Amino acid sequence: AAQFNGAGIQTGTLDTMVETVCNSDVVFTCTSATEPILDRATLE
């Protein structure tokens, strides 16, 4: 976020992932996880 100083980017950890995703309109995922981190049971 600091590389884009002034863009007003918010940050957080993946602990708040589900809440943040469900409060978003568009989500991009590009983590190094080897298993899915979002699925139907989590979001529904």
PDB file of all heavy atoms in Angstrom:
ATOM      1  N   ALA A   1       0.833  -1.211   0.000  1.00  0.00           N
ATOM      2  CA  ALA A   1       0.000   0.000   0.000  1.00  0.00           C
ATOM      3  C   ALA A   1       0.864   1.255   0.000  1.00  0.00           C
ATOM      4  O   ALA A   1       0.526   2.257  -0.647  1.00  0.00           O
ATOM      5  CB  ALA A   1      -0.920  -0.012   1.216  1.00  0.00           C
ATOM      6  N   ALA A   2       2.004   1.190   0.698  1.00  0.00           N
ATOM      7  CA  ALA A   2       2.887   2.357   0.798  1.00  0.00           C
ATOM      8  C   ALA A   2       3.479   2.743  -0.557  1.00  0.00           C
ATOM      9  O   ALA A   2       3.847   3.904  -0.777  1.00  0.00           O
ATOM     10  CB  ALA A   2       4.008   2.079   1.796  1.00  0.00           C
ATOM     11  N   GLN A   3       3.575   1.782  -1.475  1.00  0.00           N
ATOM     12  CA  GLN A   3       4.095   2.076  -2.807  1.00  0.00           C
ATOM     13  C   GLN A   3       3.141   2.953  -3.612  1.00  0.00           C
ATOM     14  O   GLN A   3       3.530   3.544  -4.615  1.00  0.00           O
ATOM     15  CB  GLN A   3       4.359   0.771  -3.574  1.00  0.00           C
ATOM     16  CG  GLN A   3       5.457  -0.087  -2.963  1.00  0.00           C
ATOM     17  CD  GLN A   3       5.658  -1.378  -3.731  1.00  0.00           C
ATOM     18  OE1 GLN A   3       5.574  -1.417  -4.955  1.00  0.00           O
ATOM     19  NE2 GLN A   3       5.906  -2.464  -3.006  1.00  0.00           N
ATOM     20  N   PHE A   4       1.888   3.018  -3.158  1.00  0.00           N
ATOM     21  CA  PHE A   4       0.875   3.830  -3.839  1.00  0.00           C
ATOM     22  C   PHE A   4       0.350   4.884  -2.870  1.00  0.00           C
ATOM     23  O   PHE A   4      -0.848   5.047  -2.680  1.00  0.00           O
ATOM     24  CB  PHE A   4      -0.262   2.936  -4.362  1.00  0.00           C
ATOM     25  CG  PHE A   4       0.213   1.883  -5.328  1.00  0.00           C
ATOM     26  CD1 PHE A   4       0.612   0.630  -4.872  1.00  0.00           C
ATOM     27  CD2 PHE A   4       0.278   2.154  -6.687  1.00  0.00           C
ATOM     28  CE1 PHE A   4       1.063  -0.339  -5.763  1.00  0.00           C
ATOM     29  CE2 PHE A   4       0.728   1.198  -7.581  1.00  0.00           C
ATOM     30  CZ  PHE A   4       1.125  -0.049  -7.120  1.00  0.00           C
ATOM     31  N   ASN A   5       1.276   5.552  -2.246  1.00  0.00           N
ATOM     32  CA  ASN A   5       0.958   6.549  -1.227  1.00  0.00           C
ATOM     33  C   ASN A   5      -0.016   7.581  -1.789  1.00  0.00           C
ATOM     34  O   ASN A   5       0.174   8.129  -2.867  1.00  0.00           O
ATOM     35  CB  ASN A   5       2.250   7.243  -0.760  1.00  0.00           C
ATOM     36  CG  ASN A   5       2.013   8.145   0.418  1.00  0.00           C
ATOM     37  OD1 ASN A   5       1.110   7.901   1.227  1.00  0.00           O
ATOM     38  ND2 ASN A   5       2.806   9.198   0.530  1.00  0.00           N
ATOM     39  N   GLY A   6      -1.082   7.835  -1.057  1.00  0.00           N
ATOM     40  CA  GLY A   6      -2.064   8.804  -1.487  1.00  0.00           C
ATOM     41  C   GLY A   6      -3.268   8.190  -2.169  1.00  0.00           C
ATOM     42  O   GLY A   6      -4.250   8.880  -2.462  1.00  0.00           O
ATOM     43  N   ALA A   7      -3.222   6.850  -2.425  1.00  0.00           N
ATOM     44  CA  ALA A   7      -4.345   6.192  -3.099  1.00  0.00           C
ATOM     45  C   ALA A   7      -5.427   5.769  -2.104  1.00  0.00           C
ATOM     46  O   ALA A   7      -6.478   5.271  -2.501  1.00  0.00           O
ATOM     47  CB  ALA A   7      -3.853   4.974  -3.875  1.00  0.00           C
ATOM     48  N   GLY A   8      -5.144   5.928  -0.804  1.00  0.00           N
ATOM     49  CA  GLY A   8      -6.143   5.587   0.216  1.00  0.00           C
ATOM     50  C   GLY A   8      -6.416   4.105   0.340  1.00  0.00           C
ATOM     51  O   GLY A   8      -7.529   3.688   0.674  1.00  0.00           O
ATOM     52  N   ILE A   9      -5.403   3.282   0.084  1.00  0.00           N
ATOM     53  CA  ILE A   9      -5.570   1.822   0.149  1.00  0.00           C
ATOM     54  C   ILE A   9      -5.655   1.369   1.600  1.00  0.00           C
ATOM     55  O   ILE A   9      -4.829   1.735   2.440  1.00  0.00           O
ATOM     56  CB  ILE A   9      -4.396   1.126  -0.568  1.00  0.00           C
ATOM     57  CG1 ILE A   9      -4.406   1.486  -2.056  1.00  0.00           C
ATOM     58  CG2 ILE A   9      -4.483  -0.388  -0.389  1.00  0.00           C
ATOM     59  CD1 ILE A   9      -3.192   0.982  -2.818  1.00  0.00           C
ATOM     60  N   GLN A  10      -6.675   0.562   1.895  1.00  0.00           N
ATOM     61  CA  GLN A  10      -6.834  -0.046   3.217  1.00  0.00           C
ATOM     62  C   GLN A  10      -6.104  -1.388   3.243  1.00  0.00           C
ATOM     63  O   GLN A  10      -5.965  -2.054   2.210  1.00  0.00           O
ATOM     64  CB  GLN A  10      -8.321  -0.258   3.533  1.00  0.00           C
ATOM     65  CG  GLN A  10      -9.162   1.008   3.497  1.00  0.00           C
ATOM     66  CD  GLN A  10      -8.742   1.982   4.591  1.00  0.00           C
ATOM     67  OE1 GLN A  10      -8.644   1.629   5.761  1.00  0.00           O
ATOM     68  NE2 GLN A  10      -8.490   3.231   4.186  1.00  0.00           N
ATOM     69  N   THR A  11      -5.651  -1.799   4.407  1.00  0.00           N
ATOM     70  CA  THR A  11      -4.951  -3.086   4.515  1.00  0.00           C
ATOM     71  C   THR A  11      -5.499  -3.887   5.685  1.00  0.00           C
ATOM     72  O   THR A  11      -6.139  -3.346   6.592  1.00  0.00           O
ATOM     73  CB  THR A  11      -3.437  -2.888   4.715  1.00  0.00           C
ATOM     74  OG1 THR A  11      -3.221  -2.132   5.914  1.00  0.00           O
ATOM     75  CG2 THR A  11      -2.803  -2.159   3.534  1.00  0.00           C
ATOM     76  N   GLY A  12      -5.212  -5.171   5.649  1.00  0.00           N
ATOM     77  CA  GLY A  12      -5.628  -6.057   6.737  1.00  0.00           C
ATOM     78  C   GLY A  12      -5.031  -7.429   6.529  1.00  0.00           C
ATOM     79  O   GLY A  12      -4.275  -7.664   5.571  1.00  0.00           O
ATOM     80  N   THR A  13      -5.356  -8.358   7.414  1.00  0.00           N
ATOM     81  CA  THR A  13      -4.862  -9.725   7.281  1.00  0.00           C
ATOM     82  C   THR A  13      -5.983 -10.625   6.770  1.00  0.00           C
ATOM     83  O   THR A  13      -7.163 -10.248   6.769  1.00  0.00           O
ATOM     84  CB  THR A  13      -4.365 -10.269   8.630  1.00  0.00           C
ATOM     85  OG1 THR A  13      -5.480 -10.411   9.523  1.00  0.00           O
ATOM     86  CG2 THR A  13      -3.324  -9.345   9.246  1.00  0.00           C
ATOM     87  N   LEU A  14      -5.605 -11.818   6.365  1.00  0.00           N
ATOM     88  CA  LEU A  14      -6.589 -12.769   5.830  1.00  0.00           C
ATOM     89  C   LEU A  14      -7.533 -13.286   6.914  1.00  0.00           C
ATOM     90  O   LEU A  14      -8.504 -13.986   6.600  1.00  0.00           O
ATOM     91  CB  LEU A  14      -5.862 -13.930   5.141  1.00  0.00           C
ATOM     92  CG  LEU A  14      -5.159 -13.573   3.822  1.00  0.00           C
ATOM     93  CD1 LEU A  14      -4.332 -14.753   3.315  1.00  0.00           C
ATOM     94  CD2 LEU A  14      -6.168 -13.141   2.765  1.00  0.00           C
ATOM     95  N   ASP A  15      -7.259 -12.945   8.154  1.00  0.00           N
ATOM     96  CA  ASP A  15      -8.189 -13.317   9.234  1.00  0.00           C
ATOM     97  C   ASP A  15      -9.551 -12.668   9.025  1.00  0.00           C
ATOM     98  O   ASP A  15     -10.579 -13.183   9.473  1.00  0.00           O
ATOM     99  CB  ASP A  15      -7.623 -12.897  10.600  1.00  0.00           C
ATOM    100  CG  ASP A  15      -6.353 -13.658  10.954  1.00  0.00           C
ATOM    101  OD1 ASP A  15      -6.167 -14.767  10.414  1.00  0.00           O
ATOM    102  OD2 ASP A  15      -5.549 -13.147  11.754  1.00  0.00           O
ATOM    103  N   THR A  16      -9.552 -11.512   8.363  1.00  0.00           N
ATOM    104  CA  THR A  16     -10.821 -10.796   8.122  1.00  0.00           C
ATOM    105  C   THR A  16     -11.328 -11.015   6.694  1.00  0.00           C
ATOM    106  O   THR A  16     -12.167 -10.265   6.206  1.00  0.00           O
ATOM    107  CB  THR A  16     -10.624  -9.286   8.360  1.00  0.00           C
ATOM    108  OG1 THR A  16      -9.659  -8.782   7.414  1.00  0.00           O
ATOM    109  CG2 THR A  16     -10.139  -9.012   9.771  1.00  0.00           C
ATOM    110  N   MET A  17     -10.790 -12.046   6.031  1.00  0.00           N
ATOM    111  CA  MET A  17     -11.063 -12.262   4.619  1.00  0.00           C
ATOM    112  C   MET A  17     -12.553 -12.384   4.303  1.00  0.00           C
ATOM    113  O   MET A  17     -13.069 -11.675   3.417  1.00  0.00           O
ATOM    114  CB  MET A  17     -10.345 -13.528   4.137  1.00  0.00           C
ATOM    115  CG  MET A  17     -10.656 -13.912   2.693  1.00  0.00           C
ATOM    116  SD  MET A  17      -9.878 -15.475   2.244  1.00  0.00           S
ATOM    117  CE  MET A  17     -10.791 -16.639   3.297  1.00  0.00           C
ATOM    118  N   VAL A  18     -13.262 -13.254   4.991  1.00  0.00           N
ATOM    119  CA  VAL A  18     -14.658 -13.524   4.644  1.00  0.00           C
ATOM    120  C   VAL A  18     -15.512 -12.273   4.796  1.00  0.00           C
ATOM    121  O   VAL A  18     -16.296 -11.916   3.909  1.00  0.00           O
ATOM    122  CB  VAL A  18     -15.211 -14.680   5.499  1.00  0.00           C
ATOM    123  CG1 VAL A  18     -16.692 -14.908   5.172  1.00  0.00           C
ATOM    124  CG2 VAL A  18     -14.420 -15.957   5.245  1.00  0.00           C
ATOM    125  N   GLU A  19     -15.337 -11.577   5.890  1.00  0.00           N
ATOM    126  CA  GLU A  19     -16.097 -10.346   6.129  1.00  0.00           C
ATOM    127  C   GLU A  19     -15.788  -9.304   5.058  1.00  0.00           C
ATOM    128  O   GLU A  19     -16.698  -8.660   4.510  1.00  0.00           O
ATOM    129  CB  GLU A  19     -15.752  -9.791   7.513  1.00  0.00           C
ATOM    130  CG  GLU A  19     -16.487  -8.494   7.846  1.00  0.00           C
ATOM    131  CD  GLU A  19     -16.044  -7.909   9.183  1.00  0.00           C
ATOM    132  OE1 GLU A  19     -15.331  -8.614   9.945  1.00  0.00           O
ATOM    133  OE2 GLU A  19     -16.386  -6.751   9.458  1.00  0.00           O
ATOM    134  N   THR A  20     -14.499  -9.141   4.737  1.00  0.00           N
ATOM    135  CA  THR A  20     -14.100  -8.155   3.732  1.00  0.00           C
ATOM    136  C   THR A  20     -14.645  -8.512   2.355  1.00  0.00           C
ATOM    137  O   THR A  20     -15.163  -7.651   1.635  1.00  0.00           O
ATOM    138  CB  THR A  20     -12.564  -8.047   3.670  1.00  0.00           C
ATOM    139  OG1 THR A  20     -12.067  -7.692   4.966  1.00  0.00           O
ATOM    140  CG2 THR A  20     -12.125  -7.003   2.654  1.00  0.00           C
ATOM    141  N   VAL A  21     -14.535  -9.783   1.983  1.00  0.00           N
ATOM    142  CA  VAL A  21     -15.023 -10.236   0.679  1.00  0.00           C
ATOM    143  C   VAL A  21     -16.525  -9.991   0.548  1.00  0.00           C
ATOM    144  O   VAL A  21     -17.015  -9.500  -0.470  1.00  0.00           O
ATOM    145  CB  VAL A  21     -14.687 -11.719   0.457  1.00  0.00           C
ATOM    146  CG1 VAL A  21     -15.466 -12.291  -0.736  1.00  0.00           C
ATOM    147  CG2 VAL A  21     -13.183 -11.904   0.250  1.00  0.00           C
ATOM    148  N   CYS A  22     -17.255 -10.324   1.590  1.00  0.00           N
ATOM    149  CA  CYS A  22     -18.711 -10.186   1.531  1.00  0.00           C
ATOM    150  C   CYS A  22     -19.160  -8.720   1.535  1.00  0.00           C
ATOM    151  O   CYS A  22     -20.299  -8.420   1.177  1.00  0.00           O
ATOM    152  CB  CYS A  22     -19.354 -10.955   2.679  1.00  0.00           C
ATOM    153  SG  CYS A  22     -19.217 -12.747   2.496  1.00  0.00           S
ATOM    154  N   ASN A  23     -18.270  -7.824   1.920  1.00  0.00           N
ATOM    155  CA  ASN A  23     -18.572  -6.395   1.866  1.00  0.00           C
ATOM    156  C   ASN A  23     -17.993  -5.734   0.613  1.00  0.00           C
ATOM    157  O   ASN A  23     -17.977  -4.512   0.508  1.00  0.00           O
ATOM    158  CB  ASN A  23     -18.025  -5.688   3.117  1.00  0.00           C
ATOM    159  CG  ASN A  23     -18.849  -6.011   4.353  1.00  0.00           C
ATOM    160  OD1 ASN A  23     -20.068  -6.141   4.266  1.00  0.00           O
ATOM    161  ND2 ASN A  23     -18.183  -6.170   5.490  1.00  0.00           N
ATOM    162  N   SER A  24     -17.501  -6.552  -0.315  1.00  0.00           N
ATOM    163  CA  SER A  24     -16.892  -6.031  -1.536  1.00  0.00           C
ATOM    164  C   SER A  24     -17.804  -6.283  -2.739  1.00  0.00           C
ATOM    165  O   SER A  24     -18.679  -7.149  -2.705  1.00  0.00           O
ATOM    166  CB  SER A  24     -15.530  -6.707  -1.781  1.00  0.00           C
ATOM    167  OG  SER A  24     -14.649  -6.468  -0.705  1.00  0.00           O
ATOM    168  N   ASP A  25     -17.560  -5.520  -3.790  1.00  0.00           N
ATOM    169  CA  ASP A  25     -18.258  -5.747  -5.059  1.00  0.00           C
ATOM    170  C   ASP A  25     -17.405  -6.580  -6.011  1.00  0.00           C
ATOM    171  O   ASP A  25     -17.913  -7.398  -6.774  1.00  0.00           O
ATOM    172  CB  ASP A  25     -18.580  -4.403  -5.726  1.00  0.00           C
ATOM    173  CG  ASP A  25     -19.410  -3.501  -4.828  1.00  0.00           C
ATOM    174  OD1 ASP A  25     -20.517  -3.920  -4.443  1.00  0.00           O
ATOM    175  OD2 ASP A  25     -18.933  -2.399  -4.499  1.00  0.00           O
ATOM    176  N   VAL A  26     -16.089  -6.335  -5.967  1.00  0.00           N
ATOM    177  CA  VAL A  26     -15.150  -7.026  -6.846  1.00  0.00           C
ATOM    178  C   VAL A  26     -13.970  -7.509  -6.007  1.00  0.00           C
ATOM    179  O   VAL A  26     -13.422  -6.743  -5.205  1.00  0.00           O
ATOM    180  CB  VAL A  26     -14.637  -6.092  -7.962  1.00  0.00           C
ATOM    181  CG1 VAL A  26     -13.574  -6.797  -8.804  1.00  0.00           C
ATOM    182  CG2 VAL A  26     -15.783  -5.622  -8.846  1.00  0.00           C
ATOM    183  N   VAL A  27     -13.591  -8.787  -6.206  1.00  0.00           N
ATOM    184  CA  VAL A  27     -12.482  -9.356  -5.437  1.00  0.00           C
ATOM    185  C   VAL A  27     -11.508 -10.031  -6.406  1.00  0.00           C
ATOM    186  O   VAL A  27     -11.917 -10.796  -7.292  1.00  0.00           O
ATOM    187  CB  VAL A  27     -12.979 -10.392  -4.403  1.00  0.00           C
ATOM    188  CG1 VAL A  27     -11.785 -11.057  -3.702  1.00  0.00           C
ATOM    189  CG2 VAL A  27     -13.897  -9.721  -3.391  1.00  0.00           C
ATOM    190  N   PHE A  28     -10.225  -9.715  -6.230  1.00  0.00           N
ATOM    191  CA  PHE A  28      -9.163 -10.392  -6.984  1.00  0.00           C
ATOM    192  C   PHE A  28      -8.397 -11.275  -6.000  1.00  0.00           C
ATOM    193  O   PHE A  28      -8.040 -10.824  -4.907  1.00  0.00           O
ATOM    194  CB  PHE A  28      -8.195  -9.380  -7.592  1.00  0.00           C
ATOM    195  CG  PHE A  28      -8.812  -8.481  -8.626  1.00  0.00           C
ATOM    196  CD1 PHE A  28      -9.373  -7.260  -8.244  1.00  0.00           C
ATOM    197  CD2 PHE A  28      -8.823  -8.841  -9.964  1.00  0.00           C
ATOM    198  CE1 PHE A  28      -9.930  -6.419  -9.194  1.00  0.00           C
ATOM    199  CE2 PHE A  28      -9.389  -8.006 -10.916  1.00  0.00           C
ATOM    200  CZ  PHE A  28      -9.951  -6.793 -10.535  1.00  0.00           C
ATOM    201  N   THR A  29      -8.120 -12.512  -6.388  1.00  0.00           N
ATOM    202  CA  THR A  29      -7.364 -13.404  -5.504  1.00  0.00           C
ATOM    203  C   THR A  29      -6.067 -13.820  -6.188  1.00  0.00           C
ATOM    204  O   THR A  29      -6.066 -14.261  -7.343  1.00  0.00           O
ATOM    205  CB  THR A  29      -8.174 -14.659  -5.129  1.00  0.00           C
ATOM    206  OG1 THR A  29      -8.460 -15.412  -6.310  1.00  0.00           O
ATOM    207  CG2 THR A  29      -9.477 -14.275  -4.448  1.00  0.00           C
ATOM    208  N   CYS A  30      -4.966 -13.683  -5.467  1.00  0.00           N
ATOM    209  CA  CYS A  30      -3.652 -14.066  -6.024  1.00  0.00           C
ATOM    210  C   CYS A  30      -2.710 -14.450  -4.886  1.00  0.00           C
ATOM    211  O   CYS A  30      -1.581 -13.958  -4.803  1.00  0.00           O
ATOM    212  CB  CYS A  30      -3.064 -12.957  -6.878  1.00  0.00           C
ATOM    213  SG  CYS A  30      -3.071 -11.316  -6.111  1.00  0.00           S
ATOM    214  N   THR A  31      -3.180 -15.296  -3.991  1.00  0.00           N
ATOM    215  CA  THR A  31      -2.334 -15.762  -2.891  1.00  0.00           C
ATOM    216  C   THR A  31      -1.589 -17.019  -3.319  1.00  0.00           C
ATOM    217  O   THR A  31      -1.895 -17.629  -4.343  1.00  0.00           O
ATOM    218  CB  THR A  31      -3.158 -16.081  -1.622  1.00  0.00           C
ATOM    219  OG1 THR A  31      -3.788 -17.361  -1.769  1.00  0.00           O
ATOM    220  CG2 THR A  31      -4.205 -15.005  -1.354  1.00  0.00           C
ATOM    221  N   SER A  32      -0.635 -17.442  -2.520  1.00  0.00           N
ATOM    222  CA  SER A  32       0.143 -18.654  -2.821  1.00  0.00           C
ATOM    223  C   SER A  32      -0.451 -19.896  -2.175  1.00  0.00           C
ATOM    224  O   SER A  32       0.202 -20.941  -2.129  1.00  0.00           O
ATOM    225  CB  SER A  32       1.590 -18.467  -2.344  1.00  0.00           C
ATOM    226  OG  SER A  32       1.607 -18.196  -0.941  1.00  0.00           O
ATOM    227  N   ALA A  33      -1.683 -19.800  -1.680  1.00  0.00           N
ATOM    228  CA  ALA A  33      -2.336 -20.965  -1.052  1.00  0.00           C
ATOM    229  C   ALA A  33      -2.427 -22.118  -2.040  1.00  0.00           C
ATOM    230  O   ALA A  33      -2.664 -21.915  -3.233  1.00  0.00           O
ATOM    231  CB  ALA A  33      -3.728 -20.578  -0.564  1.00  0.00           C
ATOM    232  N   THR A  34      -2.250 -23.325  -1.551  1.00  0.00           N
ATOM    233  CA  THR A  34      -2.289 -24.501  -2.436  1.00  0.00           C
ATOM    234  C   THR A  34      -3.672 -25.135  -2.490  1.00  0.00           C
ATOM    235  O   THR A  34      -3.907 -26.059  -3.271  1.00  0.00           O
ATOM    236  CB  THR A  34      -1.274 -25.555  -1.971  1.00  0.00           C
ATOM    237  OG1 THR A  34      -1.534 -25.892  -0.595  1.00  0.00           O
ATOM    238  CG2 THR A  34       0.152 -25.009  -2.078  1.00  0.00           C
ATOM    239  N   GLU A  35      -4.591 -24.642  -1.662  1.00  0.00           N
ATOM    240  CA  GLU A  35      -5.984 -25.111  -1.663  1.00  0.00           C
ATOM    241  C   GLU A  35      -6.895 -23.892  -1.748  1.00  0.00           C
ATOM    242  O   GLU A  35      -6.500 -22.783  -1.350  1.00  0.00           O
ATOM    243  CB  GLU A  35      -6.304 -25.909  -0.377  1.00  0.00           C
ATOM    244  CG  GLU A  35      -5.465 -27.167  -0.188  1.00  0.00           C
ATOM    245  CD  GLU A  35      -5.848 -28.269  -1.155  1.00  0.00           C
ATOM    246  OE1 GLU A  35      -6.981 -28.220  -1.691  1.00  0.00           O
ATOM    247  OE2 GLU A  35      -5.013 -29.162  -1.391  1.00  0.00           O
ATOM    248  N   PRO A  36      -8.144 -24.047  -2.246  1.00  0.00           N
ATOM    249  CA  PRO A  36      -9.060 -22.905  -2.316  1.00  0.00           C
ATOM    250  C   PRO A  36      -9.279 -22.276  -0.941  1.00  0.00           C
ATOM    251  O   PRO A  36      -9.438 -22.978   0.068  1.00  0.00           O
ATOM    252  CB  PRO A  36     -10.349 -23.535  -2.850  1.00  0.00           C
ATOM    253  CG  PRO A  36      -9.905 -24.737  -3.606  1.00  0.00           C
ATOM    254  CD  PRO A  36      -8.725 -25.272  -2.858  1.00  0.00           C
ATOM    255  N   ILE A  37      -9.285 -20.938  -0.913  1.00  0.00           N
ATOM    256  CA  ILE A  37      -9.545 -20.241   0.349  1.00  0.00           C
ATOM    257  C   ILE A  37     -10.954 -19.660   0.384  1.00  0.00           C
ATOM    258  O   ILE A  37     -11.420 -19.197   1.423  1.00  0.00           O
ATOM    259  CB  ILE A  37      -8.500 -19.126   0.590  1.00  0.00           C
ATOM    260  CG1 ILE A  37      -8.492 -18.114  -0.562  1.00  0.00           C
ATOM    261  CG2 ILE A  37      -7.113 -19.721   0.787  1.00  0.00           C
ATOM    262  CD1 ILE A  37      -7.563 -16.934  -0.353  1.00  0.00           C
ATOM    263  N   LEU A  38     -11.640 -19.677  -0.771  1.00  0.00           N
ATOM    264  CA  LEU A  38     -13.038 -19.244  -0.839  1.00  0.00           C
ATOM    265  C   LEU A  38     -13.862 -20.331  -1.516  1.00  0.00           C
ATOM    266  O   LEU A  38     -13.468 -20.852  -2.565  1.00  0.00           O
ATOM    267  CB  LEU A  38     -13.162 -17.939  -1.650  1.00  0.00           C
ATOM    268  CG  LEU A  38     -12.578 -16.668  -1.042  1.00  0.00           C
ATOM    269  CD1 LEU A  38     -12.667 -15.511  -2.041  1.00  0.00           C
ATOM    270  CD2 LEU A  38     -13.285 -16.302   0.250  1.00  0.00           C
ATOM    271  N   ASP A  39     -14.989 -20.674  -0.899  1.00  0.00           N
ATOM    272  CA  ASP A  39     -15.885 -21.660  -1.514  1.00  0.00           C
ATOM    273  C   ASP A  39     -17.332 -21.312  -1.161  1.00  0.00           C
ATOM    274  O   ASP A  39     -17.611 -20.336  -0.456  1.00  0.00           O
ATOM    275  CB  ASP A  39     -15.544 -23.092  -1.061  1.00  0.00           C
ATOM    276  CG  ASP A  39     -15.568 -23.265   0.453  1.00  0.00           C
ATOM    277  OD1 ASP A  39     -16.209 -22.428   1.138  1.00  0.00           O
ATOM    278  OD2 ASP A  39     -14.955 -24.216   0.960  1.00  0.00           O
ATOM    279  N   ARG A  40     -18.254 -22.114  -1.648  1.00  0.00           N
ATOM    280  CA  ARG A  40     -19.677 -21.826  -1.448  1.00  0.00           C
ATOM    281  C   ARG A  40     -20.041 -21.807   0.034  1.00  0.00           C
ATOM    282  O   ARG A  40     -20.754 -20.912   0.512  1.00  0.00           O
ATOM    283  CB  ARG A  40     -20.513 -22.873  -2.180  1.00  0.00           C
ATOM    284  CG  ARG A  40     -22.004 -22.724  -1.905  1.00  0.00           C
ATOM    285  CD  ARG A  40     -22.855 -23.660  -2.720  1.00  0.00           C
ATOM    286  NE  ARG A  40     -24.271 -23.466  -2.372  1.00  0.00           N
ATOM    287  CZ  ARG A  40     -25.275 -23.918  -3.095  1.00  0.00           C
ATOM    288  NH1 ARG A  40     -25.038 -24.606  -4.212  1.00  0.00           N
ATOM    289  NH2 ARG A  40     -26.519 -23.695  -2.716  1.00  0.00           N
ATOM    290  N   ALA A  41     -19.544 -22.805   0.766  1.00  0.00           N
ATOM    291  CA  ALA A  41     -19.915 -22.916   2.180  1.00  0.00           C
ATOM    292  C   ALA A  41     -19.461 -21.692   2.974  1.00  0.00           C
ATOM    293  O   ALA A  41     -20.116 -21.287   3.936  1.00  0.00           O
ATOM    294  CB  ALA A  41     -19.295 -24.186   2.772  1.00  0.00           C
ATOM    295  N   THR A  42     -18.353 -21.087   2.584  1.00  0.00           N
ATOM    296  CA  THR A  42     -17.832 -19.909   3.284  1.00  0.00           C
ATOM    297  C   THR A  42     -18.660 -18.667   2.987  1.00  0.00           C
ATOM    298  O   THR A  42     -18.961 -17.868   3.888  1.00  0.00           O
ATOM    299  CB  THR A  42     -16.364 -19.658   2.860  1.00  0.00           C
ATOM    300  OG1 THR A  42     -15.601 -20.842   3.111  1.00  0.00           O
ATOM    301  CG2 THR A  42     -15.762 -18.505   3.637  1.00  0.00           C
ATOM    302  N   LEU A  43     -19.021 -18.509   1.707  1.00  0.00           N
ATOM    303  CA  LEU A  43     -19.669 -17.267   1.288  1.00  0.00           C
ATOM    304  C   LEU A  43     -21.180 -17.249   1.476  1.00  0.00           C
ATOM    305  O   LEU A  43     -21.766 -16.214   1.803  1.00  0.00           O
ATOM    306  CB  LEU A  43     -19.350 -17.010  -0.192  1.00  0.00           C
ATOM    307  CG  LEU A  43     -17.881 -16.761  -0.546  1.00  0.00           C
ATOM    308  CD1 LEU A  43     -17.733 -16.593  -2.051  1.00  0.00           C
ATOM    309  CD2 LEU A  43     -17.364 -15.523   0.176  1.00  0.00           C
ATOM    310  N   GLU A  44     -21.826 -18.383   1.282  1.00  0.00           N
ATOM    311  CA  GLU A  44     -23.290 -18.413   1.230  1.00  0.00           C
ATOM    312  C   GLU A  44     -23.964 -17.819   2.467  1.00  0.00           C
ATOM    313  O   GLU A  44     -24.903 -17.008   2.333  1.00  0.00           O
ATOM    314  CB  GLU A  44     -23.779 -19.847   0.990  1.00  0.00           C
ATOM    315  CG  GLU A  44     -25.267 -19.935   0.702  1.00  0.00           C
ATOM    316  CD  GLU A  44     -25.659 -21.317   0.226  1.00  0.00           C
ATOM    317  OE1 GLU A  44     -24.954 -22.297   0.576  1.00  0.00           O
ATOM    318  OE2 GLU A  44     -26.663 -21.432  -0.490  1.00  0.00           O
TER     319      GLU A  44
END
